Amino acid sequence: MPDDNKQYGAYIPSTYIFDVGQIENTDVNSADFKELLVRLYQNINSIALLLNIKETGYYLPEEFINSQLYFPNAALVTDTPQLRPVYRMVVDFGTLPAAGSKSVAHGIEFPALVAGQSPVTFTQIYGAASNTTTLDYLPLPFVSATAMADNLQVEVDATDVIITTGGKDYSAYTAYVVLHYLKS
């Protein structure tokens, strides 16, 4: 449960009021000028802290830290618990299979096992498929409400993104798959 006494999110005031007199008339050796500098440094620090925790909107076909943070991994014993960064990668899957499965390498490096487990954990796997000829678009994975043969399954293993059709020919569609994952 979230602690009701903590403020979540990233918020800083949009207007700072400095009651230190006129800047152009302030002596650089005065206490007012020194106070102004301290306040400016504090505000710049607040902006930097805010920017560092905002999610970055880049969706690239390479590993990218997106500024999301997850709770510390309880399985890893450390003296200082650390929030874990989320990595994002977009896989240009190309055309979907006509039937069956198709695999496309994702390029994520899986480090050696830690305590018998992979240090890579996926937090989100999603995407979209586009048929730009008929202007049809599908979310991935896709579950049909009427026909199981229309379903599209998306999964990831240590080397590939795999999309499996329920039997329908989706070869007119191209797809992007977005992977979010932790490395600890």
N, C-alpha and C. Protein backbone atom coordinates (compact mmCIF):
# COMPACT_ATOMS: atom_id res chain seq x y z
N MET A 1 0.84 -1.19 0.00
CA MET A 1 0.00 0.00 0.00
C MET A 1 0.88 1.24 0.00
N PRO A 2 0.49 2.24 -0.81
CA PRO A 2 1.24 3.49 -0.79
C PRO A 2 1.11 4.18 0.56
N ASP A 3 2.16 4.86 0.93
CA ASP A 3 2.16 5.66 2.17
C ASP A 3 1.43 6.97 1.88
N ASP A 4 0.32 7.21 2.58
CA ASP A 4 -0.48 8.41 2.33
C ASP A 4 0.26 9.69 2.68
N ASN A 5 1.33 9.59 3.45
CA ASN A 5 2.10 10.78 3.83
C ASN A 5 3.11 11.18 2.76
N LYS A 6 3.32 10.33 1.76
CA LYS A 6 4.29 10.63 0.71
C LYS A 6 3.56 11.20 -0.50
N GLN A 7 4.22 12.11 -1.16
CA GLN A 7 3.68 12.65 -2.40
C GLN A 7 4.30 11.87 -3.55
N TYR A 8 3.45 11.31 -4.41
CA TYR A 8 3.93 10.56 -5.56
C TYR A 8 3.82 11.42 -6.80
N GLY A 9 4.67 11.16 -7.73
CA GLY A 9 4.70 11.94 -8.95
C GLY A 9 5.86 12.91 -8.91
N ALA A 10 5.95 13.71 -9.94
CA ALA A 10 7.05 14.65 -10.04
C ALA A 10 6.48 16.03 -10.30
N TYR A 11 6.46 16.85 -9.28
CA TYR A 11 5.86 18.16 -9.38
C TYR A 11 6.80 19.23 -8.82
N ILE A 12 6.98 20.29 -9.57
CA ILE A 12 7.71 21.44 -9.07
C ILE A 12 6.89 22.67 -9.43
N PRO A 13 7.03 23.75 -8.67
CA PRO A 13 6.26 24.96 -8.99
C PRO A 13 6.64 25.50 -10.36
N SER A 14 5.68 26.08 -11.04
CA SER A 14 5.97 26.65 -12.35
C SER A 14 6.45 28.10 -12.25
N THR A 15 6.23 28.74 -11.11
CA THR A 15 6.67 30.12 -10.90
C THR A 15 7.42 30.20 -9.58
N TYR A 16 8.63 30.71 -9.65
CA TYR A 16 9.43 30.91 -8.44
C TYR A 16 9.42 32.40 -8.11
N ILE A 17 9.18 32.73 -6.86
CA ILE A 17 9.18 34.13 -6.43
C ILE A 17 10.41 34.34 -5.57
N PHE A 18 11.24 35.27 -6.00
CA PHE A 18 12.46 35.59 -5.27
C PHE A 18 12.30 36.97 -4.67
N ASP A 19 12.29 37.04 -3.38
CA ASP A 19 12.13 38.32 -2.69
C ASP A 19 13.51 38.80 -2.24
N VAL A 20 14.35 39.05 -3.20
CA VAL A 20 15.72 39.45 -2.87
C VAL A 20 16.08 40.80 -3.49
N GLY A 21 15.10 41.59 -3.82
CA GLY A 21 15.38 42.91 -4.38
C GLY A 21 15.62 42.83 -5.87
N GLN A 22 16.01 43.94 -6.42
CA GLN A 22 16.30 44.02 -7.85
C GLN A 22 17.66 43.39 -8.13
N ILE A 23 17.69 42.44 -9.03
CA ILE A 23 18.93 41.73 -9.33
C ILE A 23 19.99 42.67 -9.88
N GLU A 24 19.58 43.56 -10.77
CA GLU A 24 20.58 44.43 -11.39
C GLU A 24 21.19 45.43 -10.41
N ASN A 25 20.50 45.70 -9.31
CA ASN A 25 21.03 46.64 -8.32
C ASN A 25 21.65 45.95 -7.12
N THR A 26 21.73 44.62 -7.15
CA THR A 26 22.23 43.87 -6.01
C THR A 26 23.75 43.75 -6.08
N ASP A 27 24.39 44.06 -4.98
CA ASP A 27 25.84 43.91 -4.88
C ASP A 27 26.18 42.43 -4.85
N VAL A 28 27.11 41.99 -5.70
CA VAL A 28 27.46 40.56 -5.79
C VAL A 28 28.07 40.03 -4.50
N ASN A 29 28.49 40.87 -3.62
CA ASN A 29 29.05 40.44 -2.34
C ASN A 29 28.03 40.47 -1.21
N SER A 30 26.79 40.86 -1.51
CA SER A 30 25.78 41.01 -0.47
C SER A 30 25.14 39.66 -0.12
N ALA A 31 24.49 39.63 1.04
CA ALA A 31 23.77 38.43 1.48
C ALA A 31 22.58 38.16 0.56
N ASP A 32 21.94 39.21 0.03
CA ASP A 32 20.81 39.02 -0.89
C ASP A 32 21.25 38.28 -2.15
N PHE A 33 22.41 38.65 -2.69
CA PHE A 33 22.90 38.00 -3.91
C PHE A 33 23.25 36.54 -3.63
N LYS A 34 23.87 36.30 -2.49
CA LYS A 34 24.21 34.91 -2.13
C LYS A 34 22.95 34.08 -1.94
N GLU A 35 21.91 34.67 -1.34
CA GLU A 35 20.64 33.97 -1.18
C GLU A 35 20.01 33.67 -2.55
N LEU A 36 20.10 34.63 -3.48
CA LEU A 36 19.59 34.42 -4.82
C LEU A 36 20.29 33.24 -5.49
N LEU A 37 21.61 33.17 -5.38
CA LEU A 37 22.35 32.07 -5.98
C LEU A 37 21.94 30.72 -5.38
N VAL A 38 21.78 30.68 -4.06
CA VAL A 38 21.35 29.43 -3.41
C VAL A 38 19.99 29.00 -3.94
N ARG A 39 19.05 29.94 -4.02
CA ARG A 39 17.71 29.60 -4.51
C ARG A 39 17.74 29.15 -5.98
N LEU A 40 18.55 29.80 -6.79
CA LEU A 40 18.67 29.39 -8.18
C LEU A 40 19.25 27.98 -8.29
N TYR A 41 20.29 27.68 -7.53
CA TYR A 41 20.87 26.34 -7.55
C TYR A 41 19.85 25.30 -7.08
N GLN A 42 19.07 25.64 -6.05
CA GLN A 42 18.06 24.71 -5.56
C GLN A 42 17.00 24.46 -6.63
N ASN A 43 16.60 25.49 -7.34
CA ASN A 43 15.59 25.33 -8.38
C ASN A 43 16.13 24.54 -9.57
N ILE A 44 17.36 24.77 -9.95
CA ILE A 44 17.97 23.98 -11.03
C ILE A 44 18.07 22.52 -10.61
N ASN A 45 18.42 22.27 -9.36
CA ASN A 45 18.49 20.90 -8.86
C ASN A 45 17.10 20.24 -8.89
N SER A 46 16.05 20.98 -8.50
CA SER A 46 14.69 20.45 -8.56
C SER A 46 14.30 20.08 -9.98
N ILE A 47 14.65 20.92 -10.93
CA ILE A 47 14.35 20.64 -12.33
C ILE A 47 15.10 19.39 -12.80
N ALA A 48 16.38 19.28 -12.44
CA ALA A 48 17.16 18.11 -12.84
C ALA A 48 16.60 16.83 -12.24
N LEU A 49 16.22 16.87 -10.96
CA LEU A 49 15.62 15.69 -10.32
C LEU A 49 14.32 15.30 -11.00
N LEU A 50 13.50 16.27 -11.34
CA LEU A 50 12.23 16.00 -12.01
C LEU A 50 12.47 15.39 -13.39
N LEU A 51 13.36 15.97 -14.14
CA LEU A 51 13.63 15.45 -15.48
C LEU A 51 14.18 14.03 -15.45
N ASN A 52 14.96 13.72 -14.44
CA ASN A 52 15.55 12.39 -14.34
C ASN A 52 14.54 11.30 -14.01
N ILE A 53 13.36 11.65 -13.48
CA ILE A 53 12.38 10.61 -13.17
C ILE A 53 11.20 10.60 -14.12
N LYS A 54 11.15 11.48 -15.08
CA LYS A 54 10.09 11.47 -16.08
C LYS A 54 10.40 10.41 -17.13
N GLU A 55 9.37 9.73 -17.59
CA GLU A 55 9.58 8.71 -18.62
C GLU A 55 9.96 9.37 -19.93
N THR A 56 10.95 8.80 -20.57
CA THR A 56 11.43 9.32 -21.84
C THR A 56 10.62 8.70 -22.97
N GLY A 57 10.23 9.50 -23.92
CA GLY A 57 9.34 9.06 -24.99
C GLY A 57 10.02 8.51 -26.22
N TYR A 58 11.27 8.12 -26.13
CA TYR A 58 11.94 7.52 -27.29
C TYR A 58 11.59 6.04 -27.38
N TYR A 59 11.22 5.60 -28.56
CA TYR A 59 10.98 4.18 -28.85
C TYR A 59 11.94 3.81 -29.96
N LEU A 60 13.04 3.19 -29.57
CA LEU A 60 14.14 2.91 -30.48
C LEU A 60 14.34 1.41 -30.68
N PRO A 61 14.93 1.02 -31.82
CA PRO A 61 15.23 -0.40 -32.04
C PRO A 61 16.55 -0.81 -31.39
N GLU A 62 16.82 -0.25 -30.23
CA GLU A 62 18.01 -0.57 -29.45
C GLU A 62 17.67 -0.40 -27.98
N GLU A 63 18.49 -0.96 -27.12
CA GLU A 63 18.23 -0.86 -25.69
C GLU A 63 18.32 0.59 -25.23
N PHE A 64 17.31 0.99 -24.44
CA PHE A 64 17.21 2.38 -24.02
C PHE A 64 16.61 2.40 -22.62
N ILE A 65 17.23 3.13 -21.69
CA ILE A 65 16.65 3.29 -20.35
C ILE A 65 15.57 4.35 -20.44
N ASN A 66 14.32 3.97 -20.10
CA ASN A 66 13.20 4.87 -20.33
C ASN A 66 12.82 5.72 -19.11
N SER A 67 13.58 5.65 -18.05
CA SER A 67 13.39 6.42 -16.81
C SER A 67 12.31 5.88 -15.90
N GLN A 68 11.68 4.76 -16.23
CA GLN A 68 10.79 4.11 -15.26
C GLN A 68 11.67 3.43 -14.22
N LEU A 69 11.17 3.32 -13.00
CA LEU A 69 11.92 2.67 -11.93
C LEU A 69 11.02 1.66 -11.23
N TYR A 70 11.58 0.50 -10.92
CA TYR A 70 10.86 -0.54 -10.17
C TYR A 70 11.49 -0.68 -8.79
N PHE A 71 10.72 -1.24 -7.89
CA PHE A 71 11.16 -1.49 -6.53
C PHE A 71 12.40 -2.39 -6.51
N PRO A 72 13.17 -2.38 -5.43
CA PRO A 72 14.36 -3.23 -5.35
C PRO A 72 14.00 -4.71 -5.42
N ASN A 73 14.91 -5.49 -5.95
CA ASN A 73 14.72 -6.94 -6.04
C ASN A 73 15.05 -7.56 -4.69
N ALA A 74 14.05 -8.11 -4.02
CA ALA A 74 14.24 -8.69 -2.69
C ALA A 74 15.12 -9.92 -2.72
N ALA A 75 15.23 -10.57 -3.88
CA ALA A 75 16.05 -11.78 -3.98
C ALA A 75 17.54 -11.45 -3.97
N LEU A 76 17.89 -10.22 -4.29
CA LEU A 76 19.30 -9.83 -4.29
C LEU A 76 19.62 -9.16 -2.97
N VAL A 77 20.57 -9.70 -2.25
CA VAL A 77 20.95 -9.15 -0.96
C VAL A 77 21.99 -8.06 -1.19
N THR A 78 21.63 -6.85 -0.82
CA THR A 78 22.56 -5.73 -0.94
C THR A 78 22.47 -4.88 0.31
N ASP A 79 23.50 -4.13 0.57
CA ASP A 79 23.50 -3.23 1.73
C ASP A 79 22.60 -2.03 1.49
N THR A 80 22.52 -1.58 0.24
CA THR A 80 21.70 -0.42 -0.08
C THR A 80 20.70 -0.81 -1.15
N PRO A 81 19.42 -0.92 -0.79
CA PRO A 81 18.42 -1.26 -1.81
C PRO A 81 18.36 -0.18 -2.88
N GLN A 82 18.29 -0.60 -4.11
CA GLN A 82 18.29 0.33 -5.22
C GLN A 82 17.06 0.12 -6.09
N LEU A 83 16.49 1.21 -6.55
CA LEU A 83 15.43 1.10 -7.53
C LEU A 83 16.04 0.62 -8.84
N ARG A 84 15.28 -0.18 -9.57
CA ARG A 84 15.81 -0.78 -10.79
C ARG A 84 15.28 -0.05 -12.02
N PRO A 85 16.17 0.37 -12.93
CA PRO A 85 15.72 1.05 -14.14
C PRO A 85 15.06 0.06 -15.10
N VAL A 86 14.09 0.58 -15.85
CA VAL A 86 13.43 -0.22 -16.88
C VAL A 86 14.06 0.12 -18.22
N TYR A 87 14.37 -0.91 -18.97
CA TYR A 87 14.92 -0.76 -20.31
C TYR A 87 13.79 -0.98 -21.31
N ARG A 88 13.86 -0.28 -22.43
CA ARG A 88 12.86 -0.45 -23.48
C ARG A 88 13.57 -0.69 -24.80
N MET A 89 12.97 -1.55 -25.61
CA MET A 89 13.47 -1.80 -26.95
C MET A 89 12.27 -2.05 -27.86
N VAL A 90 12.32 -1.52 -29.06
CA VAL A 90 11.29 -1.78 -30.06
C VAL A 90 11.87 -2.74 -31.09
N VAL A 91 11.12 -3.79 -31.37
CA VAL A 91 11.53 -4.77 -32.38
C VAL A 91 10.67 -4.54 -33.62
N ASP A 92 11.32 -4.22 -34.73
CA ASP A 92 10.61 -4.12 -36.01
C ASP A 92 10.42 -5.55 -36.49
N PHE A 93 9.23 -6.07 -36.28
CA PHE A 93 8.97 -7.49 -36.54
C PHE A 93 8.83 -7.80 -38.02
N GLY A 94 8.54 -6.81 -38.82
CA GLY A 94 8.31 -7.06 -40.25
C GLY A 94 6.92 -7.66 -40.45
N THR A 95 6.78 -8.48 -41.49
CA THR A 95 5.47 -9.06 -41.78
C THR A 95 5.13 -10.18 -40.81
N LEU A 96 3.86 -10.27 -40.50
CA LEU A 96 3.38 -11.35 -39.63
C LEU A 96 3.29 -12.64 -40.43
N PRO A 97 3.25 -13.78 -39.74
CA PRO A 97 3.19 -15.05 -40.47
C PRO A 97 1.82 -15.28 -41.12
N ALA A 98 1.84 -16.02 -42.22
CA ALA A 98 0.59 -16.41 -42.89
C ALA A 98 -0.15 -17.42 -42.02
N ALA A 99 0.60 -18.28 -41.37
CA ALA A 99 0.04 -19.27 -40.44
C ALA A 99 1.19 -19.77 -39.59
N GLY A 100 0.90 -20.23 -38.39
CA GLY A 100 1.95 -20.74 -37.52
C GLY A 100 2.70 -19.64 -36.81
N SER A 101 4.01 -19.83 -36.67
CA SER A 101 4.84 -18.90 -35.88
C SER A 101 5.94 -18.29 -36.72
N LYS A 102 6.36 -17.11 -36.30
CA LYS A 102 7.53 -16.45 -36.88
C LYS A 102 8.33 -15.87 -35.73
N SER A 103 9.65 -15.98 -35.82
CA SER A 103 10.56 -15.46 -34.79
C SER A 103 11.45 -14.38 -35.38
N VAL A 104 11.68 -13.35 -34.59
CA VAL A 104 12.60 -12.28 -34.97
C VAL A 104 13.51 -12.02 -33.76
N ALA A 105 14.82 -11.97 -34.00
CA ALA A 105 15.77 -11.74 -32.91
C ALA A 105 15.57 -10.36 -32.31
N HIS A 106 15.59 -10.29 -30.96
CA HIS A 106 15.42 -9.00 -30.29
C HIS A 106 16.75 -8.35 -29.94
N GLY A 107 17.81 -9.12 -29.78
CA GLY A 107 19.13 -8.56 -29.50
C GLY A 107 19.40 -8.21 -28.05
N ILE A 108 18.52 -8.59 -27.13
CA ILE A 108 18.74 -8.30 -25.71
C ILE A 108 19.75 -9.30 -25.18
N GLU A 109 20.77 -8.80 -24.50
CA GLU A 109 21.77 -9.68 -23.90
C GLU A 109 21.28 -10.16 -22.55
N PHE A 110 21.29 -11.46 -22.36
CA PHE A 110 20.90 -12.05 -21.09
C PHE A 110 22.16 -12.41 -20.33
N PRO A 111 22.46 -11.71 -19.22
CA PRO A 111 23.66 -12.03 -18.44
C PRO A 111 23.55 -13.42 -17.80
N ALA A 112 24.63 -13.84 -17.18
CA ALA A 112 24.65 -15.14 -16.51
C ALA A 112 23.60 -15.19 -15.42
N LEU A 113 23.15 -16.38 -15.11
CA LEU A 113 22.14 -16.58 -14.06
C LEU A 113 22.67 -16.08 -12.72
N VAL A 114 21.76 -15.49 -11.93
CA VAL A 114 22.08 -15.03 -10.58
C VAL A 114 21.21 -15.85 -9.64
N ALA A 115 21.83 -16.60 -8.75
CA ALA A 115 21.11 -17.47 -7.81
C ALA A 115 20.17 -18.40 -8.56
N GLY A 116 20.63 -18.90 -9.71
CA GLY A 116 19.85 -19.85 -10.49
C GLY A 116 18.72 -19.24 -11.30
N GLN A 117 18.64 -17.90 -11.35
CA GLN A 117 17.57 -17.24 -12.09
C GLN A 117 18.14 -16.22 -13.05
N SER A 118 17.40 -15.98 -14.13
CA SER A 118 17.81 -14.95 -15.08
C SER A 118 17.63 -13.58 -14.45
N PRO A 119 18.62 -12.69 -14.59
CA PRO A 119 18.47 -11.34 -14.06
C PRO A 119 17.58 -10.46 -14.95
N VAL A 120 17.13 -10.98 -16.10
CA VAL A 120 16.25 -10.21 -16.98
C VAL A 120 14.81 -10.61 -16.70
N THR A 121 13.97 -9.60 -16.44
CA THR A 121 12.54 -9.81 -16.19
C THR A 121 11.76 -8.84 -17.06
N PHE A 122 10.81 -9.35 -17.80
CA PHE A 122 9.99 -8.48 -18.65
C PHE A 122 8.82 -7.92 -17.84
N THR A 123 8.56 -6.63 -18.01
CA THR A 123 7.46 -5.99 -17.31
C THR A 123 6.30 -5.68 -18.26
N GLN A 124 6.59 -5.49 -19.54
CA GLN A 124 5.56 -5.27 -20.55
C GLN A 124 6.02 -5.82 -21.89
N ILE A 125 5.09 -6.45 -22.59
CA ILE A 125 5.32 -6.94 -23.95
C ILE A 125 4.05 -6.57 -24.73
N TYR A 126 4.19 -5.68 -25.70
CA TYR A 126 3.00 -5.25 -26.45
C TYR A 126 3.42 -4.73 -27.81
N GLY A 127 2.45 -4.49 -28.66
CA GLY A 127 2.75 -3.93 -29.96
C GLY A 127 1.50 -3.68 -30.77
N ALA A 128 1.71 -3.45 -32.07
CA ALA A 128 0.61 -3.20 -32.98
C ALA A 128 0.98 -3.73 -34.35
N ALA A 129 -0.05 -4.21 -35.06
CA ALA A 129 0.12 -4.70 -36.42
C ALA A 129 -0.69 -3.81 -37.35
N SER A 130 -0.14 -3.53 -38.52
CA SER A 130 -0.78 -2.61 -39.46
C SER A 130 -0.89 -3.22 -40.84
N ASN A 131 -2.07 -3.12 -41.42
CA ASN A 131 -2.27 -3.46 -42.83
C ASN A 131 -2.57 -2.13 -43.50
N THR A 132 -1.55 -1.53 -44.11
CA THR A 132 -1.70 -0.18 -44.66
C THR A 132 -2.43 -0.17 -45.99
N THR A 133 -2.70 -1.34 -46.55
CA THR A 133 -3.49 -1.42 -47.79
C THR A 133 -4.98 -1.33 -47.48
N THR A 134 -5.42 -2.12 -46.49
CA THR A 134 -6.85 -2.14 -46.13
C THR A 134 -7.17 -1.21 -44.96
N LEU A 135 -6.14 -0.56 -44.40
CA LEU A 135 -6.28 0.33 -43.25
C LEU A 135 -6.88 -0.40 -42.05
N ASP A 136 -6.38 -1.59 -41.80
CA ASP A 136 -6.75 -2.39 -40.62
C ASP A 136 -5.57 -2.40 -39.66
N TYR A 137 -5.87 -2.25 -38.37
CA TYR A 137 -4.83 -2.18 -37.35
C TYR A 137 -5.25 -3.03 -36.16
N LEU A 138 -4.31 -3.76 -35.61
CA LEU A 138 -4.60 -4.66 -34.49
C LEU A 138 -3.61 -4.45 -33.36
N PRO A 139 -4.08 -4.53 -32.11
CA PRO A 139 -3.14 -4.53 -30.99
C PRO A 139 -2.47 -5.89 -30.90
N LEU A 140 -1.29 -5.90 -30.34
CA LEU A 140 -0.60 -7.18 -30.10
C LEU A 140 -0.35 -7.33 -28.62
N PRO A 141 -0.67 -8.45 -28.04
CA PRO A 141 -1.35 -9.60 -28.64
C PRO A 141 -2.80 -9.24 -28.98
N PHE A 142 -3.40 -10.06 -29.87
CA PHE A 142 -4.77 -9.82 -30.31
C PHE A 142 -5.60 -11.05 -29.97
N VAL A 143 -6.76 -10.79 -29.35
CA VAL A 143 -7.69 -11.87 -29.03
C VAL A 143 -9.02 -11.54 -29.69
N SER A 144 -9.45 -12.42 -30.56
CA SER A 144 -10.72 -12.22 -31.25
C SER A 144 -11.88 -12.63 -30.35
N ALA A 145 -12.94 -11.86 -30.39
CA ALA A 145 -14.14 -12.19 -29.62
C ALA A 145 -14.98 -13.25 -30.32
N THR A 146 -14.71 -13.49 -31.61
CA THR A 146 -15.57 -14.41 -32.36
C THR A 146 -14.87 -15.67 -32.86
N ALA A 147 -13.60 -15.57 -33.21
CA ALA A 147 -12.94 -16.74 -33.82
C ALA A 147 -11.54 -16.92 -33.24
N MET A 148 -11.30 -18.06 -32.64
CA MET A 148 -9.99 -18.35 -32.07
C MET A 148 -8.89 -18.34 -33.13
N ALA A 149 -9.26 -18.67 -34.37
CA ALA A 149 -8.28 -18.68 -35.45
C ALA A 149 -7.74 -17.30 -35.76
N ASP A 150 -8.43 -16.24 -35.31
CA ASP A 150 -7.99 -14.87 -35.56
C ASP A 150 -6.99 -14.37 -34.52
N ASN A 151 -6.77 -15.12 -33.45
CA ASN A 151 -5.90 -14.69 -32.36
C ASN A 151 -4.44 -14.58 -32.79
N LEU A 152 -3.73 -13.65 -32.16
CA LEU A 152 -2.29 -13.49 -32.36
C LEU A 152 -1.62 -13.53 -31.00
N GLN A 153 -0.71 -14.47 -30.82
CA GLN A 153 0.02 -14.61 -29.55
C GLN A 153 1.39 -14.00 -29.71
N VAL A 154 1.84 -13.25 -28.68
CA VAL A 154 3.17 -12.65 -28.68
C VAL A 154 3.91 -13.18 -27.47
N GLU A 155 5.11 -13.69 -27.69
CA GLU A 155 5.94 -14.16 -26.57
C GLU A 155 7.40 -13.82 -26.86
N VAL A 156 8.20 -13.89 -25.81
CA VAL A 156 9.62 -13.56 -25.91
C VAL A 156 10.40 -14.67 -25.23
N ASP A 157 11.50 -15.08 -25.84
CA ASP A 157 12.42 -15.99 -25.17
C ASP A 157 13.79 -15.31 -25.10
N ALA A 158 14.82 -16.04 -24.77
CA ALA A 158 16.14 -15.45 -24.56
C ALA A 158 16.75 -14.83 -25.81
N THR A 159 16.23 -15.17 -26.99
CA THR A 159 16.81 -14.63 -28.22
C THR A 159 15.82 -13.96 -29.15
N ASP A 160 14.54 -14.33 -29.09
CA ASP A 160 13.59 -13.89 -30.10
C ASP A 160 12.28 -13.37 -29.53
N VAL A 161 11.61 -12.58 -30.37
CA VAL A 161 10.18 -12.28 -30.21
C VAL A 161 9.47 -13.24 -31.15
N ILE A 162 8.45 -13.92 -30.65
CA ILE A 162 7.74 -14.93 -31.43
C ILE A 162 6.27 -14.53 -31.51
N ILE A 163 5.75 -14.48 -32.72
CA ILE A 163 4.32 -14.23 -32.92
C ILE A 163 3.73 -15.46 -33.59
N THR A 164 2.64 -15.95 -32.99
CA THR A 164 1.96 -17.15 -33.49
C THR A 164 0.53 -16.79 -33.83
N THR A 165 0.10 -17.20 -35.01
CA THR A 165 -1.28 -16.97 -35.42
C THR A 165 -2.13 -18.15 -34.98
N GLY A 166 -3.42 -17.89 -34.85
CA GLY A 166 -4.36 -18.97 -34.54
C GLY A 166 -4.77 -19.73 -35.78
N GLY A 167 -4.28 -19.33 -36.93
CA GLY A 167 -4.61 -20.01 -38.18
C GLY A 167 -4.93 -19.06 -39.31
N LYS A 168 -5.30 -17.85 -38.99
CA LYS A 168 -5.64 -16.86 -40.01
C LYS A 168 -4.36 -16.34 -40.67
N ASP A 169 -4.44 -16.01 -41.95
CA ASP A 169 -3.31 -15.46 -42.69
C ASP A 169 -3.18 -13.97 -42.37
N TYR A 170 -2.11 -13.59 -41.67
CA TYR A 170 -1.84 -12.19 -41.34
C TYR A 170 -0.64 -11.65 -42.10
N SER A 171 -0.26 -12.27 -43.20
CA SER A 171 0.96 -11.88 -43.92
C SER A 171 0.86 -10.50 -44.57
N ALA A 172 -0.32 -9.90 -44.64
CA ALA A 172 -0.45 -8.55 -45.17
C ALA A 172 -0.16 -7.49 -44.11
N TYR A 173 0.07 -7.92 -42.88
CA TYR A 173 0.32 -7.00 -41.76
C TYR A 173 1.80 -6.93 -41.43
N THR A 174 2.25 -5.76 -41.04
CA THR A 174 3.59 -5.58 -40.46
C THR A 174 3.40 -5.16 -39.01
N ALA A 175 4.43 -5.41 -38.19
CA ALA A 175 4.25 -5.17 -36.76
C ALA A 175 5.49 -4.60 -36.10
N TYR A 176 5.23 -3.85 -35.02
CA TYR A 176 6.25 -3.44 -34.08
C TYR A 176 5.90 -4.05 -32.73
N VAL A 177 6.90 -4.55 -32.03
CA VAL A 177 6.70 -5.10 -30.68
C VAL A 177 7.59 -4.31 -29.73
N VAL A 178 7.00 -3.84 -28.63
CA VAL A 178 7.71 -3.04 -27.64
C VAL A 178 7.97 -3.90 -26.41
N LEU A 179 9.23 -3.93 -25.97
CA LEU A 179 9.63 -4.74 -24.83
C LEU A 179 10.14 -3.82 -23.72
N HIS A 180 9.59 -3.99 -22.51
CA HIS A 180 10.08 -3.30 -21.32
C HIS A 180 10.63 -4.37 -20.40
N TYR A 181 11.82 -4.17 -19.84
CA TYR A 181 12.43 -5.21 -19.02
C TYR A 181 13.39 -4.64 -18.00
N LEU A 182 13.59 -5.46 -16.96
CA LEU A 182 14.55 -5.15 -15.89
C LEU A 182 15.76 -6.05 -16.06
N LYS A 183 16.90 -5.62 -15.54
CA LYS A 183 18.11 -6.44 -15.62
C LYS A 183 18.62 -6.84 -14.25
N SER A 184 17.78 -6.85 -13.25
CA SER A 184 18.24 -7.31 -11.94
C SER A 184 17.07 -7.75 -11.11
